[in-house]
Amino acid sequence: MIDLRSDTVTRPTPAMREAMARAEVGDDVYGEDPTVRQLEDTVATLLGKEAALFVPTGTMGNQLAILTCTRRGDEVICGEAAHISLFEAGAAAALSGVQFTFAGKAGLFDAAEMEAAIKPLSYYVPRTSLVTLENTHNVAGGRIFPAGDVAAITRRARELGLRLHLDGARLWNASVATGVALSDLAAPFDTATVCFSKGLGAPIGSALAGSRPQMEDARRLRKMLGAGMRQVGIIAAAALYGITHHRQRLAFDHEHARLFWQRLDAGLDPNHAVALEPETNIVSIDVAAPVAEQAIARAKAEGLLISTIVPTRLRAVFHLDVSREETETAAETLMRAIRAACTR
């Protein structure tokens, strides 16, 4: 079975499992797990921040950023269909008591659109306190947030006294695709998250990075949320292995995504489905909602797992468990499935 539902479906490689088995561990709640400490120091250095905090999921990392950057009743600006608003189970409202307002279209926005979303200062409207960017943007098809817009947004946000958070779950992909260092991509932001189970092939884990005082606050809140972990160096070792050995190979995933798109672009009837040109490892295919569900079922029957990201958009995500040959097979399989679904 070829699984393109997400880059989270990978299994640890034998070498990663070996690193996990050999990991030196201690009780992380006491701050005594040396492998976790090494991972946090590594991430802080890579992102150019004072400190980092290991967390079980990207959702927790994002929510800790909101908790430490806002007050209850505040408003947070993000892009349309941002993960932080769409796929985190309403956590920002439930945990931080904040609400979202959206800027721009298709996940991206510019400084003018950000500023237009800010509420005027008044006692009877929410206080805008935080701006979040997602890079790369998942629903938009793994799109890289344009560097010029990032610079303008973050500069204007600072002038307006707003905090800044980067949801960098797939920041590894953005860095490899652009050649820009992770520290430069994260530099304008107060906090940034990265995910180890997307792209890097680790079985679990993310990190939040920022100033040392903010990370200490986040550590207390992590405990409050039930994520005080013990001998967690076993999984921190997987993340370290992924950072060291799997980061640069993301370029192959990008190549496979482009090859997949080229096959679909050449072979699909644009009246039935449109494959969007990828920037990183995600290919989006826009179809009618009934076609999407039928195509998923037909593809699965032929050995291909694919999913929707929204009802009218199929998403194929490339990762270290998908070879070039499997990429070509997947493209042919999906085209047959879409054609069959469209001719029912």
C-alpha atoms as a PDB file:
ATOM      1  CA  MET A   1       0.000   0.000   0.000  1.00  0.00           C
ATOM      2  CA  ILE A   2       1.315   3.461  -0.967  1.00  0.00           C
ATOM      3  CA  ASP A   3       0.283   5.932   1.731  1.00  0.00           C
ATOM      4  CA  LEU A   4       0.120   9.602   0.707  1.00  0.00           C
ATOM      5  CA  ARG A   5      -2.364  10.739   3.338  1.00  0.00           C
ATOM      6  CA  SER A   6       0.287  12.616   5.320  1.00  0.00           C
ATOM      7  CA  ASP A   7       3.992  12.801   6.088  1.00  0.00           C
ATOM      8  CA  THR A   8       3.061  11.691   9.604  1.00  0.00           C
ATOM      9  CA  VAL A   9       2.466   8.069   8.510  1.00  0.00           C
ATOM     10  CA  THR A  10       6.158   7.158   8.323  1.00  0.00           C
ATOM     11  CA  ARG A  11       7.684   4.468  10.520  1.00  0.00           C
ATOM     12  CA  PRO A  12      11.055   4.862  12.230  1.00  0.00           C
ATOM     13  CA  THR A  13      13.920   3.541  10.140  1.00  0.00           C
ATOM     14  CA  PRO A  14      16.082   0.751  11.595  1.00  0.00           C
ATOM     15  CA  ALA A  15      18.829   3.278  12.317  1.00  0.00           C
ATOM     16  CA  MET A  16      16.374   5.568  14.092  1.00  0.00           C
ATOM     17  CA  ARG A  17      15.109   2.644  16.171  1.00  0.00           C
ATOM     18  CA  GLU A  18      18.700   1.848  17.099  1.00  0.00           C
ATOM     19  CA  ALA A  19      19.257   5.442  18.210  1.00  0.00           C
ATOM     20  CA  MET A  20      16.109   5.223  20.334  1.00  0.00           C
ATOM     21  CA  ALA A  21      17.213   1.963  21.922  1.00  0.00           C
ATOM     22  CA  ARG A  22      20.628   3.405  22.826  1.00  0.00           C
ATOM     23  CA  ALA A  23      19.330   6.758  24.124  1.00  0.00           C
ATOM     24  CA  GLU A  24      20.592   7.918  27.491  1.00  0.00           C
ATOM     25  CA  VAL A  25      17.561   8.803  29.596  1.00  0.00           C
ATOM     26  CA  GLY A  26      16.544  10.368  32.882  1.00  0.00           C
ATOM     27  CA  ASP A  27      13.446  11.881  34.463  1.00  0.00           C
ATOM     28  CA  ASP A  28      12.575  14.913  32.350  1.00  0.00           C
ATOM     29  CA  VAL A  29      10.142  16.333  34.909  1.00  0.00           C
ATOM     30  CA  TYR A  30      13.214  16.765  37.117  1.00  0.00           C
ATOM     31  CA  GLY A  31      15.083  18.158  34.115  1.00  0.00           C
ATOM     32  CA  GLU A  32      17.388  15.129  34.180  1.00  0.00           C
ATOM     33  CA  ASP A  33      16.948  13.562  30.746  1.00  0.00           C
ATOM     34  CA  PRO A  34      20.196  14.325  28.901  1.00  0.00           C
ATOM     35  CA  THR A  35      18.821  13.408  25.461  1.00  0.00           C
ATOM     36  CA  VAL A  36      15.886  15.779  25.854  1.00  0.00           C
ATOM     37  CA  ARG A  37      18.242  18.526  26.999  1.00  0.00           C
ATOM     38  CA  GLN A  38      20.407  17.895  23.934  1.00  0.00           C
ATOM     39  CA  LEU A  39      17.380  18.039  21.647  1.00  0.00           C
ATOM     40  CA  GLU A  40      16.123  21.277  23.170  1.00  0.00           C
ATOM     41  CA  ASP A  41      19.555  22.890  22.901  1.00  0.00           C
ATOM     42  CA  THR A  42      19.859  21.731  19.281  1.00  0.00           C
ATOM     43  CA  VAL A  43      16.461  23.138  18.308  1.00  0.00           C
ATOM     44  CA  ALA A  44      17.117  26.435  20.090  1.00  0.00           C
ATOM     45  CA  THR A  45      20.393  26.797  18.208  1.00  0.00           C
ATOM     46  CA  LEU A  46      18.870  25.871  14.838  1.00  0.00           C
ATOM     47  CA  LEU A  47      16.047  28.381  15.290  1.00  0.00           C
ATOM     48  CA  GLY A  48      18.277  31.076  16.758  1.00  0.00           C
ATOM     49  CA  LYS A  49      16.323  31.258  20.027  1.00  0.00           C
ATOM     50  CA  GLU A  50      17.440  31.318  23.662  1.00  0.00           C
ATOM     51  CA  ALA A  51      15.674  28.112  24.619  1.00  0.00           C
ATOM     52  CA  ALA A  52      13.324  25.386  23.409  1.00  0.00           C
ATOM     53  CA  LEU A  53      10.821  23.019  25.002  1.00  0.00           C
ATOM     54  CA  PHE A  54      10.111  19.443  23.868  1.00  0.00           C
ATOM     55  CA  VAL A  55       6.372  18.760  23.596  1.00  0.00           C
ATOM     56  CA  PRO A  56       4.384  15.728  22.436  1.00  0.00           C
ATOM     57  CA  THR A  57       2.600  17.487  19.550  1.00  0.00           C
ATOM     58  CA  GLY A  58       2.646  20.548  17.349  1.00  0.00           C
ATOM     59  CA  THR A  59      -0.808  21.432  18.623  1.00  0.00           C
ATOM     60  CA  MET A  60       0.539  21.654  22.169  1.00  0.00           C
ATOM     61  CA  GLY A  61       3.450  23.779  21.001  1.00  0.00           C
ATOM     62  CA  ASN A  62       1.133  26.206  19.225  1.00  0.00           C
ATOM     63  CA  GLN A  63      -1.232  26.378  22.177  1.00  0.00           C
ATOM     64  CA  LEU A  64       1.600  27.027  24.628  1.00  0.00           C
ATOM     65  CA  ALA A  65       2.683  29.906  22.392  1.00  0.00           C
ATOM     66  CA  ILE A  66      -0.836  31.372  22.524  1.00  0.00           C
ATOM     67  CA  LEU A  67      -1.066  30.855  26.285  1.00  0.00           C
ATOM     68  CA  THR A  68       2.204  32.706  26.876  1.00  0.00           C
ATOM     69  CA  CYS A  69       1.532  35.526  24.390  1.00  0.00           C
ATOM     70  CA  THR A  70      -2.087  36.497  25.084  1.00  0.00           C
ATOM     71  CA  ARG A  71      -4.683  37.261  27.721  1.00  0.00           C
ATOM     72  CA  ARG A  72      -8.221  35.884  27.878  1.00  0.00           C
ATOM     73  CA  GLY A  73     -10.566  37.758  25.554  1.00  0.00           C
ATOM     74  CA  ASP A  74      -7.770  38.689  23.128  1.00  0.00           C
ATOM     75  CA  GLU A  75      -7.908  38.220  19.392  1.00  0.00           C
ATOM     76  CA  VAL A  76      -5.285  36.387  17.333  1.00  0.00           C
ATOM     77  CA  ILE A  77      -4.710  37.059  13.639  1.00  0.00           C
ATOM     78  CA  CYS A  78      -3.896  34.125  11.362  1.00  0.00           C
ATOM     79  CA  GLY A  79      -4.194  33.107   7.730  1.00  0.00           C
ATOM     80  CA  GLU A  80      -7.282  31.510   6.274  1.00  0.00           C
ATOM     81  CA  ALA A  81      -7.549  27.793   7.132  1.00  0.00           C
ATOM     82  CA  ALA A  82      -4.521  27.966   9.433  1.00  0.00           C
ATOM     83  CA  HIS A  83      -3.789  24.751  11.309  1.00  0.00           C
ATOM     84  CA  ILE A  84      -3.836  26.654  14.588  1.00  0.00           C
ATOM     85  CA  SER A  85      -7.487  27.587  14.015  1.00  0.00           C
ATOM     86  CA  LEU A  86      -8.839  24.682  11.942  1.00  0.00           C
ATOM     87  CA  PHE A  87      -7.188  21.489  13.182  1.00  0.00           C
ATOM     88  CA  GLU A  88      -6.551  21.993  16.892  1.00  0.00           C
ATOM     89  CA  ALA A  89     -10.019  21.142  18.244  1.00  0.00           C
ATOM     90  CA  GLY A  90     -10.869  24.669  19.353  1.00  0.00           C
ATOM     91  CA  ALA A  91      -8.012  24.602  21.848  1.00  0.00           C
ATOM     92  CA  ALA A  92      -7.252  28.324  21.656  1.00  0.00           C
ATOM     93  CA  ALA A  93     -10.781  29.203  22.743  1.00  0.00           C
ATOM     94  CA  ALA A  94     -10.964  26.489  25.383  1.00  0.00           C
ATOM     95  CA  LEU A  95      -7.510  26.965  26.913  1.00  0.00           C
ATOM     96  CA  SER A  96      -6.551  30.593  26.293  1.00  0.00           C
ATOM     97  CA  GLY A  97      -9.989  32.172  25.892  1.00  0.00           C
ATOM     98  CA  VAL A  98      -8.991  33.883  22.634  1.00  0.00           C
ATOM     99  CA  GLN A  99     -10.668  34.145  19.261  1.00  0.00           C
ATOM    100  CA  PHE A 100      -9.259  34.211  15.736  1.00  0.00           C
ATOM    101  CA  THR A 101      -9.684  36.685  12.939  1.00  0.00           C
ATOM    102  CA  PHE A 102      -8.453  35.847   9.446  1.00  0.00           C
ATOM    103  CA  ALA A 103      -6.306  37.868   7.102  1.00  0.00           C
ATOM    104  CA  GLY A 104      -5.783  37.330   3.386  1.00  0.00           C
ATOM    105  CA  LYS A 105      -6.819  34.368   1.275  1.00  0.00           C
ATOM    106  CA  ALA A 106      -5.629  30.791   0.786  1.00  0.00           C
ATOM    107  CA  GLY A 107      -3.524  30.843   3.952  1.00  0.00           C
ATOM    108  CA  LEU A 108      -1.232  33.730   3.065  1.00  0.00           C
ATOM    109  CA  PHE A 109      -1.577  37.456   3.710  1.00  0.00           C
ATOM    110  CA  ASP A 110       0.405  40.668   3.525  1.00  0.00           C
ATOM    111  CA  ALA A 111       1.056  43.507   5.953  1.00  0.00           C
ATOM    112  CA  ALA A 112      -1.890  45.587   4.741  1.00  0.00           C
ATOM    113  CA  GLU A 113      -4.276  42.645   5.130  1.00  0.00           C
ATOM    114  CA  MET A 114      -2.911  41.988   8.604  1.00  0.00           C
ATOM    115  CA  GLU A 115      -3.390  45.596   9.627  1.00  0.00           C
ATOM    116  CA  ALA A 116      -6.923  45.644   8.216  1.00  0.00           C
ATOM    117  CA  ALA A 117      -7.795  42.714  10.499  1.00  0.00           C
ATOM    118  CA  ILE A 118      -6.723  44.531  13.681  1.00  0.00           C
ATOM    119  CA  LYS A 119      -9.585  45.799  15.821  1.00  0.00           C
ATOM    120  CA  PRO A 120      -9.611  49.479  16.790  1.00  0.00           C
ATOM    121  CA  LEU A 121      -8.600  50.193  20.356  1.00  0.00           C
ATOM    122  CA  SER A 122     -11.705  50.314  22.502  1.00  0.00           C
ATOM    123  CA  TYR A 123     -12.945  48.798  25.734  1.00  0.00           C
ATOM    124  CA  TYR A 124     -15.822  46.989  23.971  1.00  0.00           C
ATOM    125  CA  VAL A 125     -13.912  45.081  21.259  1.00  0.00           C
ATOM    126  CA  PRO A 126     -11.316  42.273  21.558  1.00  0.00           C
ATOM    127  CA  ARG A 127      -7.715  43.339  21.923  1.00  0.00           C
ATOM    128  CA  THR A 128      -5.554  42.114  19.051  1.00  0.00           C
ATOM    129  CA  SER A 129      -2.361  40.850  20.672  1.00  0.00           C
ATOM    130  CA  LEU A 130      -0.809  38.117  18.515  1.00  0.00           C
ATOM    131  CA  VAL A 131      -0.173  37.432  14.839  1.00  0.00           C
ATOM    132  CA  THR A 132       0.579  33.879  13.701  1.00  0.00           C
ATOM    133  CA  LEU A 133       2.008  32.679  10.391  1.00  0.00           C
ATOM    134  CA  GLU A 134       2.136  29.096   9.116  1.00  0.00           C
ATOM    135  CA  ASN A 135       5.185  28.148   7.050  1.00  0.00           C
ATOM    136  CA  THR A 136       4.719  25.992   5.062  1.00  0.00           C
ATOM    137  CA  HIS A 137       0.940  26.303   4.876  1.00  0.00           C
ATOM    138  CA  ASN A 138      -0.769  22.930   4.991  1.00  0.00           C
ATOM    139  CA  VAL A 139      -4.228  23.572   3.490  1.00  0.00           C
ATOM    140  CA  ALA A 140      -2.743  25.852   0.844  1.00  0.00           C
ATOM    141  CA  GLY A 141      -0.716  22.887  -0.413  1.00  0.00           C
ATOM    142  CA  GLY A 142       2.601  23.209   1.392  1.00  0.00           C
ATOM    143  CA  ARG A 143       3.077  26.774   0.195  1.00  0.00           C
ATOM    144  CA  ILE A 144       6.035  28.766   1.471  1.00  0.00           C
ATOM    145  CA  PHE A 145       5.135  32.090   3.061  1.00  0.00           C
ATOM    146  CA  PRO A 146       6.785  34.727   0.805  1.00  0.00           C
ATOM    147  CA  ALA A 147       9.850  36.203   2.479  1.00  0.00           C
ATOM    148  CA  GLY A 148       8.948  39.780   1.564  1.00  0.00           C
ATOM    149  CA  ASP A 149       5.525  39.450   3.153  1.00  0.00           C
ATOM    150  CA  VAL A 150       7.003  37.861   6.279  1.00  0.00           C
ATOM    151  CA  ALA A 151       9.424  40.790   6.649  1.00  0.00           C
ATOM    152  CA  ALA A 152       6.713  43.416   6.124  1.00  0.00           C
ATOM    153  CA  ILE A 153       4.168  41.697   8.398  1.00  0.00           C
ATOM    154  CA  THR A 154       6.594  41.187  11.265  1.00  0.00           C
ATOM    155  CA  ARG A 155       8.012  44.706  10.973  1.00  0.00           C
ATOM    156  CA  ARG A 156       4.557  46.305  11.050  1.00  0.00           C
ATOM    157  CA  ALA A 157       3.388  44.012  13.853  1.00  0.00           C
ATOM    158  CA  ARG A 158       6.342  45.125  15.976  1.00  0.00           C
ATOM    159  CA  GLU A 159       5.509  48.782  15.307  1.00  0.00           C
ATOM    160  CA  LEU A 160       1.969  48.089  16.505  1.00  0.00           C
ATOM    161  CA  GLY A 161       3.145  46.308  19.651  1.00  0.00           C
ATOM    162  CA  LEU A 162       1.899  42.849  18.629  1.00  0.00           C
ATOM    163  CA  ARG A 163       3.508  39.513  19.482  1.00  0.00           C
ATOM    164  CA  LEU A 164       4.454  37.062  16.715  1.00  0.00           C
ATOM    165  CA  HIS A 165       4.280  33.268  16.522  1.00  0.00           C
ATOM    166  CA  LEU A 166       5.482  31.000  13.706  1.00  0.00           C
ATOM    167  CA  ASP A 167       3.728  27.670  13.228  1.00  0.00           C
ATOM    168  CA  GLY A 168       6.697  25.971  11.611  1.00  0.00           C
ATOM    169  CA  ALA A 169       5.524  22.365  11.692  1.00  0.00           C
ATOM    170  CA  ARG A 170       7.026  21.991   8.210  1.00  0.00           C
ATOM    171  CA  LEU A 171       9.615  24.757   8.514  1.00  0.00           C
ATOM    172  CA  TRP A 172      12.216  22.105   7.641  1.00  0.00           C
ATOM    173  CA  ASN A 173      10.619  21.904   4.172  1.00  0.00           C
ATOM    174  CA  ALA A 174      10.590  25.682   3.748  1.00  0.00           C
ATOM    175  CA  SER A 175      14.276  25.864   4.648  1.00  0.00           C
ATOM    176  CA  VAL A 176      15.332  23.085   2.289  1.00  0.00           C
ATOM    177  CA  ALA A 177      13.221  24.453  -0.577  1.00  0.00           C
ATOM    178  CA  THR A 178      14.483  28.030  -0.263  1.00  0.00           C
ATOM    179  CA  GLY A 179      18.014  27.460   1.003  1.00  0.00           C
ATOM    180  CA  VAL A 180      17.296  29.917   3.838  1.00  0.00           C
ATOM    181  CA  ALA A 181      18.577  28.925   7.277  1.00  0.00           C
ATOM    182  CA  LEU A 182      16.011  27.914   9.870  1.00  0.00           C
ATOM    183  CA  SER A 183      17.305  30.641  12.181  1.00  0.00           C
ATOM    184  CA  ASP A 184      16.642  33.298   9.538  1.00  0.00           C
ATOM    185  CA  LEU A 185      13.124  31.996   8.906  1.00  0.00           C
ATOM    186  CA  ALA A 186      12.369  32.068  12.645  1.00  0.00           C
ATOM    187  CA  ALA A 187      14.256  35.276  13.515  1.00  0.00           C
ATOM    188  CA  PRO A 188      11.357  37.786  13.334  1.00  0.00           C
ATOM    189  CA  PHE A 189       9.120  35.770  15.678  1.00  0.00           C
ATOM    190  CA  ASP A 190       8.836  35.667  19.450  1.00  0.00           C
ATOM    191  CA  THR A 191       8.072  31.946  19.344  1.00  0.00           C
ATOM    192  CA  ALA A 192       8.277  29.188  16.753  1.00  0.00           C
ATOM    193  CA  THR A 193       7.258  25.545  16.627  1.00  0.00           C
ATOM    194  CA  VAL A 194       8.795  22.727  14.603  1.00  0.00           C
ATOM    195  CA  CYS A 195       7.525  19.166  14.238  1.00  0.00           C
ATOM    196  CA  PHE A 196       9.677  16.026  14.205  1.00  0.00           C
ATOM    197  CA  SER A 197       6.987  13.596  12.999  1.00  0.00           C
ATOM    198  CA  LYS A 198       6.381  15.531   9.762  1.00  0.00           C
ATOM    199  CA  GLY A 199       9.111  15.079   7.192  1.00  0.00           C
ATOM    200  CA  LEU A 200      11.827  13.998   9.616  1.00  0.00           C
ATOM    201  CA  GLY A 201      10.219  10.599  10.215  1.00  0.00           C
ATOM    202  CA  ALA A 202      10.186  10.583  14.017  1.00  0.00           C
ATOM    203  CA  PRO A 203       7.279   8.730  15.643  1.00  0.00           C
ATOM    204  CA  ILE A 204       6.248  11.643  17.870  1.00  0.00           C
ATOM    205  CA  GLY A 205       7.214  15.074  19.061  1.00  0.00           C
ATOM    206  CA  SER A 206       7.513  18.786  18.391  1.00  0.00           C
ATOM    207  CA  ALA A 207       9.312  21.703  19.996  1.00  0.00           C
ATOM    208  CA  LEU A 208       8.478  25.277  20.898  1.00  0.00           C
ATOM    209  CA  ALA A 209      11.317  27.799  20.898  1.00  0.00           C
ATOM    210  CA  GLY A 210      11.575  31.352  22.175  1.00  0.00           C
ATOM    211  CA  SER A 211      13.054  33.412  24.981  1.00  0.00           C
ATOM    212  CA  ARG A 212      14.250  31.627  28.096  1.00  0.00           C
ATOM    213  CA  PRO A 213      11.649  33.228  30.416  1.00  0.00           C
ATOM    214  CA  GLN A 214       8.840  32.384  28.021  1.00  0.00           C
ATOM    215  CA  MET A 215      10.007  28.771  27.721  1.00  0.00           C
ATOM    216  CA  GLU A 216      10.084  28.458  31.517  1.00  0.00           C
ATOM    217  CA  ASP A 217       6.514  29.714  31.592  1.00  0.00           C
ATOM    218  CA  ALA A 218       5.646  27.246  28.828  1.00  0.00           C
ATOM    219  CA  ARG A 219       7.265  24.410  30.809  1.00  0.00           C
ATOM    220  CA  ARG A 220       4.971  25.140  33.760  1.00  0.00           C
ATOM    221  CA  LEU A 221       1.947  25.238  31.450  1.00  0.00           C
ATOM    222  CA  ARG A 222       3.050  22.012  29.754  1.00  0.00           C
ATOM    223  CA  LYS A 223       2.911  20.332  33.164  1.00  0.00           C
ATOM    224  CA  MET A 224      -0.515  21.877  33.772  1.00  0.00           C
ATOM    225  CA  LEU A 225      -1.749  20.341  30.521  1.00  0.00           C
ATOM    226  CA  GLY A 226      -0.558  16.894  31.575  1.00  0.00           C
ATOM    227  CA  ALA A 227       2.552  16.642  29.437  1.00  0.00           C
ATOM    228  CA  GLY A 228       5.194  16.373  32.105  1.00  0.00           C
ATOM    229  CA  MET A 229       7.144  13.440  30.619  1.00  0.00           C
ATOM    230  CA  ARG A 230       9.580  11.087  32.298  1.00  0.00           C
ATOM    231  CA  GLN A 231      12.229   8.983  30.480  1.00  0.00           C
ATOM    232  CA  VAL A 232      11.277  10.650  27.234  1.00  0.00           C
ATOM    233  CA  GLY A 233      14.805  10.646  25.830  1.00  0.00           C
ATOM    234  CA  ILE A 234      13.774   7.503  23.960  1.00  0.00           C
ATOM    235  CA  ILE A 235      11.642   9.592  21.607  1.00  0.00           C
ATOM    236  CA  ALA A 236      13.860  12.675  21.797  1.00  0.00           C
ATOM    237  CA  ALA A 237      16.577  10.466  20.312  1.00  0.00           C
ATOM    238  CA  ALA A 238      14.339   9.794  17.310  1.00  0.00           C
ATOM    239  CA  ALA A 239      13.878  13.529  16.802  1.00  0.00           C
ATOM    240  CA  LEU A 240      17.631  14.143  17.035  1.00  0.00           C
ATOM    241  CA  TYR A 241      18.255  11.374  14.515  1.00  0.00           C
ATOM    242  CA  GLY A 242      15.717  12.907  12.142  1.00  0.00           C
ATOM    243  CA  ILE A 243      17.277  16.364  12.451  1.00  0.00           C
ATOM    244  CA  THR A 244      20.736  14.958  11.727  1.00  0.00           C
ATOM    245  CA  HIS A 245      19.978  12.407   9.028  1.00  0.00           C
ATOM    246  CA  HIS A 246      16.617  13.182   7.407  1.00  0.00           C
ATOM    247  CA  ARG A 247      16.523  16.955   7.042  1.00  0.00           C
ATOM    248  CA  GLN A 248      18.457  17.382   3.807  1.00  0.00           C
ATOM    249  CA  ARG A 249      16.748  14.409   2.149  1.00  0.00           C
ATOM    250  CA  LEU A 250      13.500  16.415   2.187  1.00  0.00           C
ATOM    251  CA  ALA A 251      14.622  17.633  -1.234  1.00  0.00           C
ATOM    252  CA  PHE A 252      13.750  14.154  -2.571  1.00  0.00           C
ATOM    253  CA  ASP A 253      10.205  14.515  -1.222  1.00  0.00           C
ATOM    254  CA  HIS A 254       9.922  17.839  -3.038  1.00  0.00           C
ATOM    255  CA  GLU A 255      11.171  16.220  -6.263  1.00  0.00           C
ATOM    256  CA  HIS A 256       8.654  13.400  -5.919  1.00  0.00           C
ATOM    257  CA  ALA A 257       5.827  15.884  -5.323  1.00  0.00           C
ATOM    258  CA  ARG A 258       6.776  17.757  -8.487  1.00  0.00           C
ATOM    259  CA  LEU A 259       6.992  14.541 -10.509  1.00  0.00           C
ATOM    260  CA  PHE A 260       3.567  13.495  -9.208  1.00  0.00           C
ATOM    261  CA  TRP A 261       2.105  16.889 -10.126  1.00  0.00           C
ATOM    262  CA  GLN A 262       3.634  16.789 -13.597  1.00  0.00           C
ATOM    263  CA  ARG A 263       2.031  13.407 -14.276  1.00  0.00           C
ATOM    264  CA  LEU A 264      -1.370  14.623 -13.062  1.00  0.00           C
ATOM    265  CA  ASP A 265      -1.115  17.955 -14.842  1.00  0.00           C
ATOM    266  CA  ALA A 266      -0.430  16.199 -18.133  1.00  0.00           C
ATOM    267  CA  GLY A 267      -2.968  13.401 -17.708  1.00  0.00           C
ATOM    268  CA  LEU A 268      -6.052  14.842 -16.011  1.00  0.00           C
ATOM    269  CA  ASP A 269      -8.964  16.555 -17.752  1.00  0.00           C
ATOM    270  CA  PRO A 270      -9.020  20.059 -16.225  1.00  0.00           C
ATOM    271  CA  ASN A 271     -12.814  19.947 -16.361  1.00  0.00           C
ATOM    272  CA  HIS A 272     -12.658  17.078 -13.869  1.00  0.00           C
ATOM    273  CA  ALA A 273      -9.711  17.893 -11.626  1.00  0.00           C
ATOM    274  CA  VAL A 274      -6.911  20.439 -11.331  1.00  0.00           C
ATOM    275  CA  ALA A 275      -3.579  19.591  -9.688  1.00  0.00           C
ATOM    276  CA  LEU A 276      -1.893  22.610  -8.144  1.00  0.00           C
ATOM    277  CA  GLU A 277       1.830  23.047  -8.716  1.00  0.00           C
ATOM    278  CA  PRO A 278       3.682  22.202  -5.472  1.00  0.00           C
ATOM    279  CA  GLU A 279       6.327  24.270  -3.748  1.00  0.00           C
ATOM    280  CA  THR A 280       7.395  21.584  -1.273  1.00  0.00           C
ATOM    281  CA  ASN A 281       6.130  18.067  -0.499  1.00  0.00           C
ATOM    282  CA  ILE A 282       2.352  18.508  -0.781  1.00  0.00           C
ATOM    283  CA  VAL A 283       0.258  18.267  -3.939  1.00  0.00           C
ATOM    284  CA  SER A 284      -3.340  19.498  -3.850  1.00  0.00           C
ATOM    285  CA  ILE A 285      -5.910  18.338  -6.391  1.00  0.00           C
ATOM    286  CA  ASP A 286      -9.129  20.320  -6.626  1.00  0.00           C
ATOM    287  CA  VAL A 287     -12.218  18.264  -7.531  1.00  0.00           C
ATOM    288  CA  ALA A 288     -15.936  18.224  -6.787  1.00  0.00           C
ATOM    289  CA  ALA A 289     -16.710  16.835  -3.330  1.00  0.00           C
ATOM    290  CA  PRO A 290     -18.535  13.679  -4.557  1.00  0.00           C
ATOM    291  CA  VAL A 291     -15.667  12.940  -6.952  1.00  0.00           C
ATOM    292  CA  ALA A 292     -13.137  13.247  -4.126  1.00  0.00           C
ATOM    293  CA  GLU A 293     -14.815  10.620  -1.953  1.00  0.00           C
ATOM    294  CA  GLN A 294     -15.326   8.211  -4.855  1.00  0.00           C
ATOM    295  CA  ALA A 295     -11.741   8.673  -6.042  1.00  0.00           C
ATOM    296  CA  ILE A 296     -10.405   7.974  -2.532  1.00  0.00           C
ATOM    297  CA  ALA A 297     -12.348   4.707  -2.383  1.00  0.00           C
ATOM    298  CA  ARG A 298     -11.268   3.602  -5.865  1.00  0.00           C
ATOM    299  CA  ALA A 299      -7.625   4.491  -5.213  1.00  0.00           C
ATOM    300  CA  LYS A 300      -7.641   2.522  -1.968  1.00  0.00           C
ATOM    301  CA  ALA A 301      -8.947  -0.530  -3.799  1.00  0.00           C
ATOM    302  CA  GLU A 302      -5.883  -0.270  -6.064  1.00  0.00           C
ATOM    303  CA  GLY A 303      -3.386   0.136  -3.226  1.00  0.00           C
ATOM    304  CA  LEU A 304      -3.163   3.909  -2.821  1.00  0.00           C
ATOM    305  CA  LEU A 305      -4.185   5.793   0.316  1.00  0.00           C
ATOM    306  CA  ILE A 306      -5.011   9.465  -0.202  1.00  0.00           C
ATOM    307  CA  SER A 307      -7.278  11.858   1.670  1.00  0.00           C
ATOM    308  CA  THR A 308      -9.047  15.195   1.509  1.00  0.00           C
ATOM    309  CA  ILE A 309      -7.795  18.265   3.340  1.00  0.00           C
ATOM    310  CA  VAL A 310     -11.114  20.050   2.691  1.00  0.00           C
ATOM    311  CA  PRO A 311     -14.114  18.407   0.974  1.00  0.00           C
ATOM    312  CA  THR A 312     -13.179  19.616  -2.516  1.00  0.00           C
ATOM    313  CA  ARG A 313      -9.397  19.166  -2.276  1.00  0.00           C
ATOM    314  CA  LEU A 314      -7.460  15.924  -2.368  1.00  0.00           C
ATOM    315  CA  ARG A 315      -4.036  16.062  -0.734  1.00  0.00           C
ATOM    316  CA  ALA A 316      -1.012  13.908  -1.548  1.00  0.00           C
ATOM    317  CA  VAL A 317       1.926  14.265   0.842  1.00  0.00           C
ATOM    318  CA  PHE A 318       5.358  12.865   0.035  1.00  0.00           C
ATOM    319  CA  HIS A 319       7.722  11.507   2.653  1.00  0.00           C
ATOM    320  CA  LEU A 320      10.690   9.232   3.249  1.00  0.00           C
ATOM    321  CA  ASP A 321       8.629   6.036   2.854  1.00  0.00           C
ATOM    322  CA  VAL A 322       7.684   6.869  -0.766  1.00  0.00           C
ATOM    323  CA  SER A 323      10.120   6.094  -3.595  1.00  0.00           C
ATOM    324  CA  ARG A 324      10.243   7.573  -7.093  1.00  0.00           C
ATOM    325  CA  GLU A 325       8.774   4.380  -8.534  1.00  0.00           C
ATOM    326  CA  GLU A 326       5.931   4.484  -6.021  1.00  0.00           C
ATOM    327  CA  THR A 327       5.378   8.141  -6.899  1.00  0.00           C
ATOM    328  CA  GLU A 328       4.848   7.263 -10.545  1.00  0.00           C
ATOM    329  CA  THR A 329       2.585   4.347  -9.647  1.00  0.00           C
ATOM    330  CA  ALA A 330       0.560   6.579  -7.334  1.00  0.00           C
ATOM    331  CA  ALA A 331       0.052   9.185 -10.056  1.00  0.00           C
ATOM    332  CA  GLU A 332      -1.278   6.605 -12.522  1.00  0.00           C
ATOM    333  CA  THR A 333      -3.503   5.052  -9.855  1.00  0.00           C
ATOM    334  CA  LEU A 334      -5.003   8.362  -8.807  1.00  0.00           C
ATOM    335  CA  MET A 335      -5.650   9.439 -12.386  1.00  0.00           C
ATOM    336  CA  ARG A 336      -7.547   6.219 -13.051  1.00  0.00           C
ATOM    337  CA  ALA A 337      -9.529   6.693  -9.855  1.00  0.00           C
ATOM    338  CA  ILE A 338     -10.478  10.290 -10.679  1.00  0.00           C
ATOM    339  CA  ARG A 339     -11.445   9.419 -14.264  1.00  0.00           C
ATOM    340  CA  ALA A 340     -13.592   6.553 -13.044  1.00  0.00           C
ATOM    341  CA  ALA A 341     -15.254   8.766 -10.433  1.00  0.00           C
ATOM    342  CA  CYS A 342     -15.991  11.442 -13.034  1.00  0.00           C
ATOM    343  CA  THR A 343     -17.579   9.047 -15.527  1.00  0.00           C
ATOM    344  CA  ARG A 344     -20.038   7.341 -13.192  1.00  0.00           C
END
